[in-house]
Structure formats: C-alpha cells, structure tokens
Amino acid sequence: MVHAFGTSVEGWLVLVVRRHVNTLAELTDEEAADLGPLVRDVSKALQATTVCAKTYIAQFAEHPQHPHVHVHLIPRSSDLADAQRGPGIFSRLGVPDADCVTEERMNVIAGELQQHLAAR
C-alpha cells in the first residue's frame, strides 16, 4: 500500500498485489479472500484518518507503466465539488506539483493509517 503520487487528494492510496497479475481473475482464492477485508479495513482507516464521507475504489490495470492489478482507494470528502465526484475524482490525479500532497503529509497520513490498522 502506497500513497498515490501526483494527486491533490490526501489519502489517495494504491494497493498493489504482491504477485504480478494482469487481471483480478488471475488472483488465487487466498489472494481474493484477503483483498475484500483489506479494502474494507483500509477504507475504515481512511475514514478515521481523513474524515472522508466515503471511499471510492477503482481498478483498471491499463496504465502502460503499470499494467498489473493495483487497486485505488480514494477518500471522497463531503465538500468535494459535484464535477469531481465519481469518475471526476481522476481530475485530481496528475496535477501540477504545487497542488500535490507533499511527501511529508503522505508520511503523516501513513503513520495515522498504520495506527488505525494496527488497532483492528
């Protein structure tokens, strides 16, 4: 699990499957069984850490530099503009450096998430 780079959304996480797979259908039964609870637990931790209204989940495995399964967990704040809700949230990825979450803030979020996940 890593914080996404190039985003202005604090807590935009990427869960990467440890074994290289191109599709969800390639997951083993054990990997698939682990994914659901992990997504739920990280979503709970994101809600506690970022005080978001909900979390979005997306998985495409289509990016030319990352053609493997990785799951985006994106906190959606309650005050997010309508145009940025749903798929519009991707307008907050690939933003100018000045608008990106800083590495320092990413580290703070990581520490808070770690505390929430350890308590589960």
C-alpha atoms as a PDB file:
ATOM      1  CA  MET A   1       0.000   0.000   0.000  1.00  0.00           C
ATOM      2  CA  VAL A   2       1.389   3.384  -1.012  1.00  0.00           C
ATOM      3  CA  HIS A   3       0.077   6.903  -1.253  1.00  0.00           C
ATOM      4  CA  ALA A   4      -0.508   7.906  -4.864  1.00  0.00           C
ATOM      5  CA  PHE A   5       1.922  10.472  -6.218  1.00  0.00           C
ATOM      6  CA  GLY A   6       0.775  13.375  -8.348  1.00  0.00           C
ATOM      7  CA  THR A   7      -2.559  13.854  -6.595  1.00  0.00           C
ATOM      8  CA  SER A   8      -4.127  16.649  -4.618  1.00  0.00           C
ATOM      9  CA  VAL A   9      -6.269  14.176  -2.635  1.00  0.00           C
ATOM     10  CA  GLU A  10      -4.846  13.427   0.791  1.00  0.00           C
ATOM     11  CA  GLY A  11      -5.017   9.698   1.438  1.00  0.00           C
ATOM     12  CA  TRP A  12      -5.373   8.510  -2.189  1.00  0.00           C
ATOM     13  CA  LEU A  13      -3.924   5.044  -1.754  1.00  0.00           C
ATOM     14  CA  VAL A  14      -2.829   2.350  -4.156  1.00  0.00           C
ATOM     15  CA  LEU A  15      -2.914  -1.285  -3.045  1.00  0.00           C
ATOM     16  CA  VAL A  16      -0.561  -3.373  -5.138  1.00  0.00           C
ATOM     17  CA  VAL A  17      -0.866  -7.152  -5.373  1.00  0.00           C
ATOM     18  CA  ARG A  18       2.466  -8.663  -4.341  1.00  0.00           C
ATOM     19  CA  ARG A  19       2.456 -11.132  -7.215  1.00  0.00           C
ATOM     20  CA  HIS A  20       2.281  -9.750 -10.753  1.00  0.00           C
ATOM     21  CA  VAL A  21      -1.169 -10.399 -12.206  1.00  0.00           C
ATOM     22  CA  ASN A  22      -2.833  -8.647 -15.125  1.00  0.00           C
ATOM     23  CA  THR A  23      -6.469  -9.189 -14.121  1.00  0.00           C
ATOM     24  CA  LEU A  24      -8.484  -9.827 -10.980  1.00  0.00           C
ATOM     25  CA  ALA A  25      -9.425 -13.197 -12.472  1.00  0.00           C
ATOM     26  CA  GLU A  26      -5.789 -14.278 -12.054  1.00  0.00           C
ATOM     27  CA  LEU A  27      -5.879 -13.891  -8.260  1.00  0.00           C
ATOM     28  CA  THR A  28      -5.677 -17.082  -6.264  1.00  0.00           C
ATOM     29  CA  ASP A  29      -8.589 -17.891  -3.958  1.00  0.00           C
ATOM     30  CA  GLU A  30      -6.447 -16.845  -0.995  1.00  0.00           C
ATOM     31  CA  GLU A  31      -5.442 -13.531  -2.609  1.00  0.00           C
ATOM     32  CA  ALA A  32      -9.053 -12.778  -3.474  1.00  0.00           C
ATOM     33  CA  ALA A  33     -10.200 -13.677   0.047  1.00  0.00           C
ATOM     34  CA  ASP A  34      -7.588 -11.311   1.506  1.00  0.00           C
ATOM     35  CA  LEU A  35      -8.474  -8.417  -0.813  1.00  0.00           C
ATOM     36  CA  GLY A  36     -12.031  -7.794   0.380  1.00  0.00           C
ATOM     37  CA  PRO A  37     -11.251  -7.440   4.098  1.00  0.00           C
ATOM     38  CA  LEU A  38      -8.140  -5.389   3.280  1.00  0.00           C
ATOM     39  CA  VAL A  39     -10.175  -2.935   1.183  1.00  0.00           C
ATOM     40  CA  ARG A  40     -12.774  -2.686   3.952  1.00  0.00           C
ATOM     41  CA  ASP A  41     -10.195  -2.193   6.715  1.00  0.00           C
ATOM     42  CA  VAL A  42      -8.214   0.400   4.776  1.00  0.00           C
ATOM     43  CA  SER A  43     -11.471   2.206   3.919  1.00  0.00           C
ATOM     44  CA  LYS A  44     -12.331   2.361   7.634  1.00  0.00           C
ATOM     45  CA  ALA A  45      -8.852   3.654   8.422  1.00  0.00           C
ATOM     46  CA  LEU A  46      -9.143   6.285   5.674  1.00  0.00           C
ATOM     47  CA  GLN A  47     -12.476   7.460   7.060  1.00  0.00           C
ATOM     48  CA  ALA A  48     -10.941   7.812  10.517  1.00  0.00           C
ATOM     49  CA  THR A  49      -7.766   9.477   9.239  1.00  0.00           C
ATOM     50  CA  THR A  50      -9.137  11.816   6.567  1.00  0.00           C
ATOM     51  CA  VAL A  51     -12.687  12.207   7.913  1.00  0.00           C
ATOM     52  CA  CYS A  52     -13.977  11.471   4.427  1.00  0.00           C
ATOM     53  CA  ALA A  53     -17.636  10.858   3.637  1.00  0.00           C
ATOM     54  CA  LYS A  54     -16.840   7.634   1.785  1.00  0.00           C
ATOM     55  CA  THR A  55     -14.109   5.922  -0.153  1.00  0.00           C
ATOM     56  CA  TYR A  56     -14.048   5.200  -3.845  1.00  0.00           C
ATOM     57  CA  ILE A  57     -12.425   2.050  -5.198  1.00  0.00           C
ATOM     58  CA  ALA A  58     -11.106   1.665  -8.744  1.00  0.00           C
ATOM     59  CA  GLN A  59      -9.071  -0.975 -10.533  1.00  0.00           C
ATOM     60  CA  PHE A  60      -8.147  -0.827 -14.219  1.00  0.00           C
ATOM     61  CA  ALA A  61      -4.689  -2.395 -14.826  1.00  0.00           C
ATOM     62  CA  GLU A  62      -4.443  -0.463 -18.094  1.00  0.00           C
ATOM     63  CA  HIS A  63      -1.743   2.150 -17.489  1.00  0.00           C
ATOM     64  CA  PRO A  64       1.203   1.497 -19.832  1.00  0.00           C
ATOM     65  CA  GLN A  65       3.716   1.817 -16.972  1.00  0.00           C
ATOM     66  CA  HIS A  66       1.588  -0.211 -14.529  1.00  0.00           C
ATOM     67  CA  PRO A  67      -0.259  -2.937 -16.499  1.00  0.00           C
ATOM     68  CA  HIS A  68      -0.845  -5.067 -13.416  1.00  0.00           C
ATOM     69  CA  VAL A  69      -3.599  -5.227 -10.834  1.00  0.00           C
ATOM     70  CA  HIS A  70      -3.477  -2.356  -8.388  1.00  0.00           C
ATOM     71  CA  VAL A  71      -6.460  -1.000  -6.516  1.00  0.00           C
ATOM     72  CA  HIS A  72      -7.030   2.702  -5.921  1.00  0.00           C
ATOM     73  CA  LEU A  73      -8.746   3.622  -2.642  1.00  0.00           C
ATOM     74  CA  ILE A  74      -9.709   7.260  -2.788  1.00  0.00           C
ATOM     75  CA  PRO A  75     -11.199   9.198   0.111  1.00  0.00           C
ATOM     76  CA  ARG A  76     -14.090  11.412  -1.002  1.00  0.00           C
ATOM     77  CA  SER A  77     -14.605  14.443   1.196  1.00  0.00           C
ATOM     78  CA  SER A  78     -18.117  15.646   1.934  1.00  0.00           C
ATOM     79  CA  ASP A  79     -17.387  19.052   0.408  1.00  0.00           C
ATOM     80  CA  LEU A  80     -15.995  17.757  -2.888  1.00  0.00           C
ATOM     81  CA  ALA A  81     -17.426  19.619  -5.877  1.00  0.00           C
ATOM     82  CA  ASP A  82     -20.016  17.693  -7.882  1.00  0.00           C
ATOM     83  CA  ALA A  83     -17.819  17.792 -11.002  1.00  0.00           C
ATOM     84  CA  GLN A  84     -15.068  15.957  -9.105  1.00  0.00           C
ATOM     85  CA  ARG A  85     -17.283  13.209  -7.675  1.00  0.00           C
ATOM     86  CA  GLY A  86     -17.401   9.722  -9.166  1.00  0.00           C
ATOM     87  CA  PRO A  87     -15.073   9.406 -12.152  1.00  0.00           C
ATOM     88  CA  GLY A  88     -14.442  13.168 -11.929  1.00  0.00           C
ATOM     89  CA  ILE A  89     -12.128  12.410  -8.993  1.00  0.00           C
ATOM     90  CA  PHE A  90      -9.481  11.449 -11.549  1.00  0.00           C
ATOM     91  CA  SER A  91      -9.149  15.153 -12.381  1.00  0.00           C
ATOM     92  CA  ARG A  92      -7.289  15.337  -9.061  1.00  0.00           C
ATOM     93  CA  LEU A  93      -4.592  12.934 -10.317  1.00  0.00           C
ATOM     94  CA  GLY A  94      -1.714  14.158 -12.470  1.00  0.00           C
ATOM     95  CA  VAL A  95      -1.999  17.698 -11.116  1.00  0.00           C
ATOM     96  CA  PRO A  96       0.824  20.270 -11.051  1.00  0.00           C
ATOM     97  CA  ASP A  97       3.465  19.694  -8.377  1.00  0.00           C
ATOM     98  CA  ALA A  98       2.344  22.780  -6.451  1.00  0.00           C
ATOM     99  CA  ASP A  99      -1.089  21.169  -5.945  1.00  0.00           C
ATOM    100  CA  CYS A 100       0.163  17.721  -4.947  1.00  0.00           C
ATOM    101  CA  VAL A 101       0.070  16.246  -1.482  1.00  0.00           C
ATOM    102  CA  THR A 102       3.571  16.688  -0.103  1.00  0.00           C
ATOM    103  CA  GLU A 103       5.743  13.728   0.801  1.00  0.00           C
ATOM    104  CA  GLU A 104       5.784  14.986   4.392  1.00  0.00           C
ATOM    105  CA  ARG A 105       1.969  14.937   4.520  1.00  0.00           C
ATOM    106  CA  MET A 106       1.914  11.480   2.895  1.00  0.00           C
ATOM    107  CA  ASN A 107       4.176  10.234   5.701  1.00  0.00           C
ATOM    108  CA  VAL A 108       1.900  11.702   8.374  1.00  0.00           C
ATOM    109  CA  ILE A 109      -1.127  10.034   6.755  1.00  0.00           C
ATOM    110  CA  ALA A 110       0.779   6.739   6.536  1.00  0.00           C
ATOM    111  CA  GLY A 111       1.550   6.857  10.244  1.00  0.00           C
ATOM    112  CA  GLU A 112      -2.083   7.585  11.127  1.00  0.00           C
ATOM    113  CA  LEU A 113      -3.312   4.790   8.859  1.00  0.00           C
ATOM    114  CA  GLN A 114      -0.817   2.397  10.394  1.00  0.00           C
ATOM    115  CA  GLN A 115      -2.157   3.208  13.875  1.00  0.00           C
ATOM    116  CA  HIS A 116      -5.770   2.593  12.804  1.00  0.00           C
ATOM    117  CA  LEU A 117      -4.917  -0.638  11.006  1.00  0.00           C
ATOM    118  CA  ALA A 118      -2.868  -1.947  13.936  1.00  0.00           C
ATOM    119  CA  ALA A 119      -5.883  -1.436  16.213  1.00  0.00           C
ATOM    120  CA  ARG A 120      -8.128  -3.686  14.102  1.00  0.00           C
END
